Structure formats: structure tokens, C-alpha cells
PDB file of N, CA and C in Angstrom:
ATOM      1  N   UNK A   1      16.118 -19.143  25.745  1.00  0.00           N
ATOM      2  CA  UNK A   1      15.190 -19.293  24.439  1.00  0.00           C
ATOM      3  C   UNK A   1      14.541 -18.750  24.791  1.00  0.00           C
ATOM      4  N   UNK A   2      13.482 -18.164  23.484  1.00  0.00           N
ATOM      5  CA  UNK A   2      12.768 -17.288  23.595  1.00  0.00           C
ATOM      6  C   UNK A   2      11.249 -17.775  23.936  1.00  0.00           C
ATOM      7  N   UNK A   3      10.402 -16.967  24.248  1.00  0.00           N
ATOM      8  CA  UNK A   3       9.298 -17.746  24.786  1.00  0.00           C
ATOM      9  C   UNK A   3       8.287 -16.852  23.351  1.00  0.00           C
ATOM     10  N   UNK A   4       7.217 -17.423  23.517  1.00  0.00           N
ATOM     11  CA  UNK A   4       6.336 -16.847  22.140  1.00  0.00           C
ATOM     12  C   UNK A   4       5.759 -15.244  22.779  1.00  0.00           C
ATOM     13  N   UNK A   5       6.051 -15.035  24.617  1.00  0.00           N
ATOM     14  CA  UNK A   5       5.580 -13.296  24.768  1.00  0.00           C
ATOM     15  C   UNK A   5       6.924 -12.334  23.937  1.00  0.00           C
ATOM     16  N   UNK A   6       8.099 -12.999  24.054  1.00  0.00           N
ATOM     17  CA  UNK A   6       9.073 -12.260  23.878  1.00  0.00           C
ATOM     18  C   UNK A   6       9.085 -11.725  22.910  1.00  0.00           C
ATOM     19  N   UNK A   7       8.806 -13.029  21.885  1.00  0.00           N
ATOM     20  CA  UNK A   7       8.366 -12.823  20.050  1.00  0.00           C
ATOM     21  C   UNK A   7       7.180 -11.832  19.651  1.00  0.00           C
ATOM     22  N   UNK A   8       5.946 -12.145  20.868  1.00  0.00           N
ATOM     23  CA  UNK A   8       5.235 -11.105  19.709  1.00  0.00           C
ATOM     24  C   UNK A   8       5.222  -9.822  20.345  1.00  0.00           C
ATOM     25  N   UNK A   9       5.867  -9.567  21.673  1.00  0.00           N
ATOM     26  CA  UNK A   9       6.385  -8.381  21.965  1.00  0.00           C
ATOM     27  C   UNK A   9       7.066  -7.091  21.149  1.00  0.00           C
ATOM     28  N   UNK A  10       7.779  -8.091  20.672  1.00  0.00           N
ATOM     29  CA  UNK A  10       8.674  -7.579  19.179  1.00  0.00           C
ATOM     30  C   UNK A  10       8.573  -7.810  17.711  1.00  0.00           C
ATOM     31  N   UNK A  11       7.061  -8.240  17.505  1.00  0.00           N
ATOM     32  CA  UNK A  11       6.220  -7.759  15.993  1.00  0.00           C
ATOM     33  C   UNK A  11       5.652  -5.996  16.002  1.00  0.00           C
ATOM     34  N   UNK A  12       6.264  -5.548  14.674  1.00  0.00           N
ATOM     35  CA  UNK A  12       5.131  -4.696  14.771  1.00  0.00           C
ATOM     36  C   UNK A  12       3.948  -4.842  14.186  1.00  0.00           C
ATOM     37  N   UNK A  13       2.854  -4.094  14.362  1.00  0.00           N
ATOM     38  CA  UNK A  13       1.578  -3.643  14.353  1.00  0.00           C
ATOM     39  C   UNK A  13       0.815  -2.313  14.236  1.00  0.00           C
ATOM     40  N   UNK A  14       0.188  -2.199  13.308  1.00  0.00           N
ATOM     41  CA  UNK A  14      -0.297  -1.316  13.147  1.00  0.00           C
ATOM     42  C   UNK A  14      -1.459  -1.249  13.444  1.00  0.00           C
ATOM     43  N   UNK A  15      -2.686  -0.369  14.329  1.00  0.00           N
ATOM     44  CA  UNK A  15      -4.311  -0.495  14.597  1.00  0.00           C
ATOM     45  C   UNK A  15      -4.725   0.235  13.802  1.00  0.00           C
ATOM     46  N   UNK A  16      -5.729  -0.105  12.873  1.00  0.00           N
ATOM     47  CA  UNK A  16      -6.386   0.816  12.660  1.00  0.00           C
ATOM     48  C   UNK A  16      -7.252   1.499  13.194  1.00  0.00           C
ATOM     49  N   UNK A  17      -7.511   3.158  13.114  1.00  0.00           N
ATOM     50  CA  UNK A  17      -8.543   3.821  13.680  1.00  0.00           C
ATOM     51  C   UNK A  17      -9.547   3.367  13.024  1.00  0.00           C
ATOM     52  N   UNK A  18     -10.773   3.466  14.072  1.00  0.00           N
ATOM     53  CA  UNK A  18     -12.346   3.307  13.038  1.00  0.00           C
ATOM     54  C   UNK A  18     -12.643   4.089  12.225  1.00  0.00           C
ATOM     55  N   UNK A  19     -12.975   4.020  11.422  1.00  0.00           N
ATOM     56  CA  UNK A  19     -13.846   5.239  10.079  1.00  0.00           C
ATOM     57  C   UNK A  19     -12.705   5.508   9.179  1.00  0.00           C
ATOM     58  N   UNK A  20     -11.672   4.861   9.602  1.00  0.00           N
ATOM     59  CA  UNK A  20     -10.440   5.033   8.250  1.00  0.00           C
ATOM     60  C   UNK A  20     -10.084   4.066   7.544  1.00  0.00           C
ATOM     61  N   UNK A  21     -10.015   3.813   6.299  1.00  0.00           N
ATOM     62  CA  UNK A  21      -9.888   2.775   5.386  1.00  0.00           C
ATOM     63  C   UNK A  21      -7.807   2.393   5.156  1.00  0.00           C
ATOM     64  N   UNK A  22      -7.402   2.687   5.820  1.00  0.00           N
ATOM     65  CA  UNK A  22      -6.266   2.652   5.464  1.00  0.00           C
ATOM     66  C   UNK A  22      -4.980   1.649   5.468  1.00  0.00           C
ATOM     67  N   UNK A  23      -6.169   0.473   5.260  1.00  0.00           N
ATOM     68  CA  UNK A  23      -5.983  -0.609   5.507  1.00  0.00           C
ATOM     69  C   UNK A  23      -4.674  -1.750   4.667  1.00  0.00           C
ATOM     70  N   UNK A  24      -4.364  -0.650   3.641  1.00  0.00           N
ATOM     71  CA  UNK A  24      -3.212  -0.735   2.282  1.00  0.00           C
ATOM     72  C   UNK A  24      -2.007  -0.891   3.303  1.00  0.00           C
ATOM     73  N   UNK A  25      -1.770   0.865   3.899  1.00  0.00           N
ATOM     74  CA  UNK A  25      -0.478   1.624   4.608  1.00  0.00           C
ATOM     75  C   UNK A  25      -0.794   0.217   5.895  1.00  0.00           C
ATOM     76  N   UNK A  26      -1.623   0.470   6.704  1.00  0.00           N
ATOM     77  CA  UNK A  26      -1.512  -0.674   7.863  1.00  0.00           C
ATOM     78  C   UNK A  26      -0.654  -2.014   7.275  1.00  0.00           C
ATOM     79  N   UNK A  27      -1.471  -2.586   6.869  1.00  0.00           N
ATOM     80  CA  UNK A  27      -0.735  -3.973   5.705  1.00  0.00           C
ATOM     81  C   UNK A  27       0.351  -3.702   5.466  1.00  0.00           C
ATOM     82  N   UNK A  28       0.757  -2.879   4.374  1.00  0.00           N
ATOM     83  CA  UNK A  28       2.406  -2.768   4.435  1.00  0.00           C
ATOM     84  C   UNK A  28       3.429  -2.844   5.074  1.00  0.00           C
ATOM     85  N   UNK A  29       2.979  -1.807   6.050  1.00  0.00           N
ATOM     86  CA  UNK A  29       4.189  -1.741   7.339  1.00  0.00           C
ATOM     87  C   UNK A  29       3.975  -2.861   8.389  1.00  0.00           C
ATOM     88  N   UNK A  30       2.855  -3.649   8.485  1.00  0.00           N
ATOM     89  CA  UNK A  30       2.992  -5.107   9.191  1.00  0.00           C
ATOM     90  C   UNK A  30       3.756  -5.833   8.465  1.00  0.00           C
ATOM     91  N   UNK A  31       3.843  -5.854   7.082  1.00  0.00           N
ATOM     92  CA  UNK A  31       5.056  -6.801   6.541  1.00  0.00           C
ATOM     93  C   UNK A  31       5.717  -6.594   6.902  1.00  0.00           C
ATOM     94  N   UNK A  32       6.550  -5.462   6.350  1.00  0.00           N
ATOM     95  CA  UNK A  32       7.480  -4.840   6.108  1.00  0.00           C
ATOM     96  C   UNK A  32       8.366  -4.737   7.784  1.00  0.00           C
ATOM     97  N   UNK A  33       7.473  -4.822   8.863  1.00  0.00           N
ATOM     98  CA  UNK A  33       7.986  -4.718  10.327  1.00  0.00           C
ATOM     99  C   UNK A  33       8.270  -3.406  10.374  1.00  0.00           C
ATOM    100  N   UNK A  34       7.864  -2.585  10.047  1.00  0.00           N
ATOM    101  CA  UNK A  34       8.219  -0.619  10.820  1.00  0.00           C
ATOM    102  C   UNK A  34       6.821  -0.020   9.697  1.00  0.00           C
ATOM    103  N   UNK A  35       7.143   1.098  10.407  1.00  0.00           N
ATOM    104  CA  UNK A  35       5.981   2.531   9.432  1.00  0.00           C
ATOM    105  C   UNK A  35       6.940   2.666   8.364  1.00  0.00           C
ATOM    106  N   UNK A  36       7.005   2.513   7.406  1.00  0.00           N
ATOM    107  CA  UNK A  36       7.911   2.897   6.704  1.00  0.00           C
ATOM    108  C   UNK A  36       6.642   3.983   5.708  1.00  0.00           C
ATOM    109  N   UNK A  37       5.345   3.164   5.527  1.00  0.00           N
ATOM    110  CA  UNK A  37       4.974   3.998   4.533  1.00  0.00           C
ATOM    111  C   UNK A  37       3.824   4.611   4.937  1.00  0.00           C
ATOM    112  N   UNK A  38       3.535   6.316   5.113  1.00  0.00           N
ATOM    113  CA  UNK A  38       1.949   7.174   5.218  1.00  0.00           C
ATOM    114  C   UNK A  38       1.064   7.429   4.154  1.00  0.00           C
ATOM    115  N   UNK A  39       0.334   7.459   4.866  1.00  0.00           N
ATOM    116  CA  UNK A  39      -0.613   7.724   3.399  1.00  0.00           C
ATOM    117  C   UNK A  39      -0.290   8.706   2.438  1.00  0.00           C
ATOM    118  N   UNK A  40       0.587   9.611   3.019  1.00  0.00           N
ATOM    119  CA  UNK A  40       1.063  11.104   1.763  1.00  0.00           C
ATOM    120  C   UNK A  40       1.983   9.919   1.227  1.00  0.00           C
ATOM    121  N   UNK A  41       2.716   9.227   1.390  1.00  0.00           N
ATOM    122  CA  UNK A  41       3.996   8.888   0.588  1.00  0.00           C
ATOM    123  C   UNK A  41       3.288   7.636  -0.244  1.00  0.00           C
ATOM    124  N   UNK A  42       2.062   6.786  -0.078  1.00  0.00           N
ATOM    125  CA  UNK A  42       1.348   5.633  -0.872  1.00  0.00           C
ATOM    126  C   UNK A  42       0.266   6.733  -1.490  1.00  0.00           C
ATOM    127  N   UNK A  43      -0.033   8.078  -1.657  1.00  0.00           N
ATOM    128  CA  UNK A  43      -0.380   8.619  -2.252  1.00  0.00           C
ATOM    129  C   UNK A  43       0.006   9.684  -3.719  1.00  0.00           C
ATOM    130  N   UNK A  44       1.907   9.345  -3.259  1.00  0.00           N
ATOM    131  CA  UNK A  44       2.438  10.276  -4.746  1.00  0.00           C
ATOM    132  C   UNK A  44       2.327   8.766  -4.769  1.00  0.00           C
ATOM    133  N   UNK A  45       2.584   8.016  -4.930  1.00  0.00           N
ATOM    134  CA  UNK A  45       3.032   6.461  -5.708  1.00  0.00           C
ATOM    135  C   UNK A  45       1.399   6.143  -6.462  1.00  0.00           C
ATOM    136  N   UNK A  46       0.547   6.364  -5.592  1.00  0.00           N
ATOM    137  CA  UNK A  46      -1.349   6.209  -6.852  1.00  0.00           C
ATOM    138  C   UNK A  46      -0.556   7.594  -7.529  1.00  0.00           C
ATOM    139  N   UNK A  47      -0.150   8.627  -7.273  1.00  0.00           N
ATOM    140  CA  UNK A  47      -0.207   9.359  -8.313  1.00  0.00           C
ATOM    141  C   UNK A  47       0.986   9.002  -9.621  1.00  0.00           C
ATOM    142  N   UNK A  48       2.188   8.301  -9.176  1.00  0.00           N
ATOM    143  CA  UNK A  48       3.113   8.146 -10.446  1.00  0.00           C
ATOM    144  C   UNK A  48       1.897   6.975 -10.981  1.00  0.00           C
ATOM    145  N   UNK A  49       1.428   6.571 -10.552  1.00  0.00           N
ATOM    146  CA  UNK A  49       0.579   5.129 -11.141  1.00  0.00           C
ATOM    147  C   UNK A  49      -0.727   5.731 -11.679  1.00  0.00           C
ATOM    148  N   UNK A  50      -1.057   6.740 -12.218  1.00  0.00           N
ATOM    149  CA  UNK A  50      -1.809   7.397 -12.449  1.00  0.00           C
ATOM    150  C   UNK A  50      -1.791   8.388 -13.219  1.00  0.00           C
ATOM    151  N   UNK A  51      -0.318   8.508 -13.562  1.00  0.00           N
ATOM    152  CA  UNK A  51       0.282   8.894 -14.967  1.00  0.00           C
ATOM    153  C   UNK A  51       1.220   8.204 -15.384  1.00  0.00           C
ATOM    154  N   UNK A  52       1.528   7.001 -15.101  1.00  0.00           N
ATOM    155  CA  UNK A  52       1.987   5.895 -16.125  1.00  0.00           C
ATOM    156  C   UNK A  52       0.570   5.368 -16.546  1.00  0.00           C
ATOM    157  N   UNK A  53      -0.671   5.409 -16.071  1.00  0.00           N
ATOM    158  CA  UNK A  53      -1.238   5.090 -16.885  1.00  0.00           C
ATOM    159  C   UNK A  53      -2.178   5.785 -17.699  1.00  0.00           C
ATOM    160  N   UNK A  54      -1.697   7.425 -17.715  1.00  0.00           N
ATOM    161  CA  UNK A  54      -2.346   8.171 -18.394  1.00  0.00           C
ATOM    162  C   UNK A  54      -1.695   7.871 -19.709  1.00  0.00           C
ATOM    163  N   UNK A  55      -0.021   7.586 -20.102  1.00  0.00           N
ATOM    164  CA  UNK A  55       0.461   7.890 -20.663  1.00  0.00           C
ATOM    165  C   UNK A  55       0.536   5.965 -21.189  1.00  0.00           C
ATOM    166  N   UNK A  56       0.149   5.186 -20.403  1.00  0.00           N
ATOM    167  CA  UNK A  56       0.351   4.286 -21.300  1.00  0.00           C
ATOM    168  C   UNK A  56      -1.079   4.361 -22.666  1.00  0.00           C
ATOM    169  N   UNK A  57      -2.192   5.465 -21.905  1.00  0.00           N
ATOM    170  CA  UNK A  57      -3.406   5.306 -22.781  1.00  0.00           C
ATOM    171  C   UNK A  57      -3.100   6.343 -23.785  1.00  0.00           C
ATOM    172  N   UNK A  58      -2.394   6.548 -23.572  1.00  0.00           N
ATOM    173  CA  UNK A  58      -1.491   8.139 -24.834  1.00  0.00           C
ATOM    174  C   UNK A  58      -2.830   8.756 -24.130  1.00  0.00           C
ATOM    175  N   UNK A  59      -3.181   9.281 -23.024  1.00  0.00           N
ATOM    176  CA  UNK A  59      -4.314  10.446 -22.482  1.00  0.00           C
ATOM    177  C   UNK A  59      -3.623  11.227 -21.895  1.00  0.00           C
ATOM    178  N   UNK A  60      -3.739  12.527 -22.379  1.00  0.00           N
ATOM    179  CA  UNK A  60      -2.570  13.812 -22.569  1.00  0.00           C
ATOM    180  C   UNK A  60      -3.478  14.806 -21.184  1.00  0.00           C
ATOM    181  N   UNK A  61      -4.632  14.601 -21.191  1.00  0.00           N
ATOM    182  CA  UNK A  61      -5.482  15.069 -20.056  1.00  0.00           C
ATOM    183  C   UNK A  61      -5.502  14.321 -18.662  1.00  0.00           C
ATOM    184  N   UNK A  62      -4.949  14.902 -17.560  1.00  0.00           N
ATOM    185  CA  UNK A  62      -4.762  13.899 -16.249  1.00  0.00           C
ATOM    186  C   UNK A  62      -6.653  13.551 -15.898  1.00  0.00           C
ATOM    187  N   UNK A  63      -6.467  12.302 -15.694  1.00  0.00           N
ATOM    188  CA  UNK A  63      -7.877  11.522 -15.125  1.00  0.00           C
ATOM    189  C   UNK A  63      -8.558  12.604 -13.547  1.00  0.00           C
ATOM    190  N   UNK A  64      -9.588  12.948 -13.972  1.00  0.00           N
ATOM    191  CA  UNK A  64     -10.403  13.821 -12.389  1.00  0.00           C
ATOM    192  C   UNK A  64     -10.318  12.820 -11.289  1.00  0.00           C
ATOM    193  N   UNK A  65     -10.482  11.981 -11.789  1.00  0.00           N
ATOM    194  CA  UNK A  65     -10.391  11.075 -10.156  1.00  0.00           C
ATOM    195  C   UNK A  65      -9.167  10.076 -10.509  1.00  0.00           C
ATOM    196  N   UNK A  66      -8.791   9.433  -9.561  1.00  0.00           N
ATOM    197  CA  UNK A  66      -7.864   8.195  -9.470  1.00  0.00           C
ATOM    198  C   UNK A  66      -8.608   6.931  -9.261  1.00  0.00           C
ATOM    199  N   UNK A  67      -7.705   5.412  -9.462  1.00  0.00           N
ATOM    200  CA  UNK A  67      -8.551   4.454  -9.264  1.00  0.00           C
ATOM    201  C   UNK A  67      -7.648   3.828  -8.584  1.00  0.00           C
ATOM    202  N   UNK A  68      -6.245   4.629  -8.535  1.00  0.00           N
ATOM    203  CA  UNK A  68      -5.445   4.263  -7.695  1.00  0.00           C
ATOM    204  C   UNK A  68      -5.248   4.378  -5.821  1.00  0.00           C
ATOM    205  N   UNK A  69      -6.857   5.466  -5.642  1.00  0.00           N
ATOM    206  CA  UNK A  69      -6.604   6.105  -4.263  1.00  0.00           C
ATOM    207  C   UNK A  69      -7.819   7.055  -4.372  1.00  0.00           C
ATOM    208  N   UNK A  70      -8.363   7.129  -2.963  1.00  0.00           N
ATOM    209  CA  UNK A  70      -9.315   8.249  -2.848  1.00  0.00           C
ATOM    210  C   UNK A  70      -9.193   9.081  -1.516  1.00  0.00           C
ATOM    211  N   UNK A  71      -9.969   9.572  -0.895  1.00  0.00           N
ATOM    212  CA  UNK A  71      -9.767  10.561   0.298  1.00  0.00           C
ATOM    213  C   UNK A  71     -10.275   9.978   1.358  1.00  0.00           C
ATOM    214  N   UNK A  72     -10.688   8.600   0.876  1.00  0.00           N
ATOM    215  CA  UNK A  72     -11.074   7.741   2.287  1.00  0.00           C
ATOM    216  C   UNK A  72      -9.973   7.177   3.136  1.00  0.00           C
ATOM    217  N   UNK A  73      -8.830   7.087   2.176  1.00  0.00           N
ATOM    218  CA  UNK A  73      -7.581   6.329   2.398  1.00  0.00           C
ATOM    219  C   UNK A  73      -7.311   4.949   1.802  1.00  0.00           C
ATOM    220  N   UNK A  74      -8.274   4.718   1.029  1.00  0.00           N
ATOM    221  CA  UNK A  74      -8.213   3.680   0.220  1.00  0.00           C
ATOM    222  C   UNK A  74      -6.837   3.773  -0.925  1.00  0.00           C
ATOM    223  N   UNK A  75      -5.695   2.861  -0.673  1.00  0.00           N
ATOM    224  CA  UNK A  75      -5.285   2.464  -2.108  1.00  0.00           C
ATOM    225  C   UNK A  75      -5.014   1.297  -3.155  1.00  0.00           C
ATOM    226  N   UNK A  76      -4.990   1.162  -4.283  1.00  0.00           N
ATOM    227  CA  UNK A  76      -5.077   0.021  -4.722  1.00  0.00           C
ATOM    228  C   UNK A  76      -4.124  -1.646  -4.373  1.00  0.00           C
ATOM    229  N   UNK A  77      -4.565  -2.373  -5.353  1.00  0.00           N
ATOM    230  CA  UNK A  77      -3.693  -3.358  -5.118  1.00  0.00           C
ATOM    231  C   UNK A  77      -1.768  -2.973  -5.989  1.00  0.00           C
ATOM    232  N   UNK A  78      -2.583  -1.891  -6.978  1.00  0.00           N
ATOM    233  CA  UNK A  78      -1.307  -2.185  -7.709  1.00  0.00           C
ATOM    234  C   UNK A  78      -0.555  -0.764  -6.848  1.00  0.00           C
ATOM    235  N   UNK A  79      -1.206   0.446  -5.964  1.00  0.00           N
ATOM    236  CA  UNK A  79       0.070   1.096  -4.953  1.00  0.00           C
ATOM    237  C   UNK A  79       0.333   0.363  -3.975  1.00  0.00           C
ATOM    238  N   UNK A  80      -0.254  -1.289  -3.912  1.00  0.00           N
ATOM    239  CA  UNK A  80       0.691  -1.559  -2.623  1.00  0.00           C
ATOM    240  C   UNK A  80       1.630  -2.884  -3.345  1.00  0.00           C
ATOM    241  N   UNK A  81       1.652  -2.784  -4.617  1.00  0.00           N
ATOM    242  CA  UNK A  81       2.340  -3.645  -5.326  1.00  0.00           C
ATOM    243  C   UNK A  81       3.506  -3.023  -5.590  1.00  0.00           C
ATOM    244  N   UNK A  82       3.987  -1.245  -6.133  1.00  0.00           N
ATOM    245  CA  UNK A  82       4.737  -0.712  -6.183  1.00  0.00           C
ATOM    246  C   UNK A  82       5.698   0.410  -4.881  1.00  0.00           C
ATOM    247  N   UNK A  83       4.595  -0.392  -3.598  1.00  0.00           N
ATOM    248  CA  UNK A  83       5.458  -0.120  -2.303  1.00  0.00           C
ATOM    249  C   UNK A  83       6.576  -0.908  -2.100  1.00  0.00           C
ATOM    250  N   UNK A  84       5.888  -2.353  -2.743  1.00  0.00           N
ATOM    251  CA  UNK A  84       6.634  -3.353  -2.654  1.00  0.00           C
ATOM    252  C   UNK A  84       7.826  -3.512  -3.396  1.00  0.00           C
ATOM    253  N   UNK A  85       7.812  -3.289  -4.528  1.00  0.00           N
ATOM    254  CA  UNK A  85       9.063  -3.195  -5.249  1.00  0.00           C
ATOM    255  C   UNK A  85       9.633  -2.460  -5.214  1.00  0.00           C
ATOM    256  N   UNK A  86       9.752  -1.154  -4.246  1.00  0.00           N
ATOM    257  CA  UNK A  86      10.230  -0.289  -3.541  1.00  0.00           C
ATOM    258  C   UNK A  86      12.007  -1.091  -2.168  1.00  0.00           C
ATOM    259  N   UNK A  87      11.053  -2.955  -1.816  1.00  0.00           N
ATOM    260  CA  UNK A  87      11.903  -3.223  -1.413  1.00  0.00           C
ATOM    261  C   UNK A  87      12.351  -4.301  -1.432  1.00  0.00           C
ATOM    262  N   UNK A  88      12.011  -4.141  -3.279  1.00  0.00           N
ATOM    263  CA  UNK A  88      12.537  -5.519  -4.299  1.00  0.00           C
ATOM    264  C   UNK A  88      11.590  -6.478  -4.245  1.00  0.00           C
ATOM    265  N   UNK A  89      10.477  -7.003  -3.111  1.00  0.00           N
ATOM    266  CA  UNK A  89       9.672  -7.270  -3.168  1.00  0.00           C
ATOM    267  C   UNK A  89       8.571  -7.220  -4.275  1.00  0.00           C
ATOM    268  N   UNK A  90       7.737  -9.028  -4.255  1.00  0.00           N
ATOM    269  CA  UNK A  90       6.982  -8.706  -5.633  1.00  0.00           C
ATOM    270  C   UNK A  90       5.322  -9.555  -4.335  1.00  0.00           C
ATOM    271  N   UNK A  91       4.118  -8.864  -5.202  1.00  0.00           N
ATOM    272  CA  UNK A  91       3.088  -9.356  -4.699  1.00  0.00           C
ATOM    273  C   UNK A  91       2.749 -10.915  -5.653  1.00  0.00           C
ATOM    274  N   UNK A  92       2.078 -11.909  -4.533  1.00  0.00           N
ATOM    275  CA  UNK A  92       2.114 -13.117  -5.521  1.00  0.00           C
ATOM    276  C   UNK A  92       0.317 -12.776  -5.347  1.00  0.00           C
ATOM    277  N   UNK A  93      -0.460 -13.476  -6.593  1.00  0.00           N
ATOM    278  CA  UNK A  93      -1.248 -13.865  -7.220  1.00  0.00           C
ATOM    279  C   UNK A  93      -1.733 -15.085  -6.809  1.00  0.00           C
ATOM    280  N   UNK A  94      -2.842 -15.285  -5.861  1.00  0.00           N
ATOM    281  CA  UNK A  94      -3.203 -16.620  -5.682  1.00  0.00           C
ATOM    282  C   UNK A  94      -4.271 -17.028  -6.233  1.00  0.00           C
ATOM    283  N   UNK A  95      -4.675 -17.800  -7.288  1.00  0.00           N
ATOM    284  CA  UNK A  95      -5.764 -18.067  -7.817  1.00  0.00           C
ATOM    285  C   UNK A  95      -6.866 -19.371  -7.489  1.00  0.00           C
ATOM    286  N   UNK A  96      -7.995 -19.278  -6.659  1.00  0.00           N
ATOM    287  CA  UNK A  96      -8.691 -19.989  -6.305  1.00  0.00           C
ATOM    288  C   UNK A  96      -9.701 -20.280  -7.342  1.00  0.00           C
ATOM    289  N   UNK A  97     -10.060 -21.677  -7.380  1.00  0.00           N
ATOM    290  CA  UNK A  97     -11.585 -22.030  -7.952  1.00  0.00           C
ATOM    291  C   UNK A  97     -12.408 -22.146  -7.484  1.00  0.00           C
TER     292      UNK A  97
END
């Protein structure tokens, strides 16, 4: 029978480096239990979302800045949702009162 130590040793975990804002990347990879997403791959998803948003707004000019990512490593919830959709998963929102 497996012990708690055996189970903990098999859990995938990414430690966030001080001063970085890659919480979304680490949360996704920890949830998926492997290194599936790099910052570059999440940035690609963010750019795809930016394009989709521009099309939905009927805006031909690309936005000067993205609401889905920034240079600090921040990625929006929408990027996380798109990343999870690639695995057939979805993000459920909990409404607290």
C-alpha cells in the first residue's frame, strides 16, 4: 500500500521564481501534472485570443497592448481557459455571495 510520502513524491509541482508572475503557467502545469505549457506557448494562446477579440469587435487594427498577457508573465483567465480546452477541460466559476 502506498504511503503519503510515496504519493507526494509523485505529484508534479512547479515552484515560482521570486519576482515572476507566471502563476497561470505554474497552476496549469500543476493541474495537468506535467510541464505542458511554457510562457511562449501561453503567449501564443493570448495572441490568438487578442485576434479573436479584435474580430469580434470588428476592429481591423491590432490593439497596441494585450488584455490577455503582459511582459511580467501575467496571463488572463481566458488564456487559462483556452489552455484547458486543449485538454478537453473547462474552468468552472464559483459565485460567492
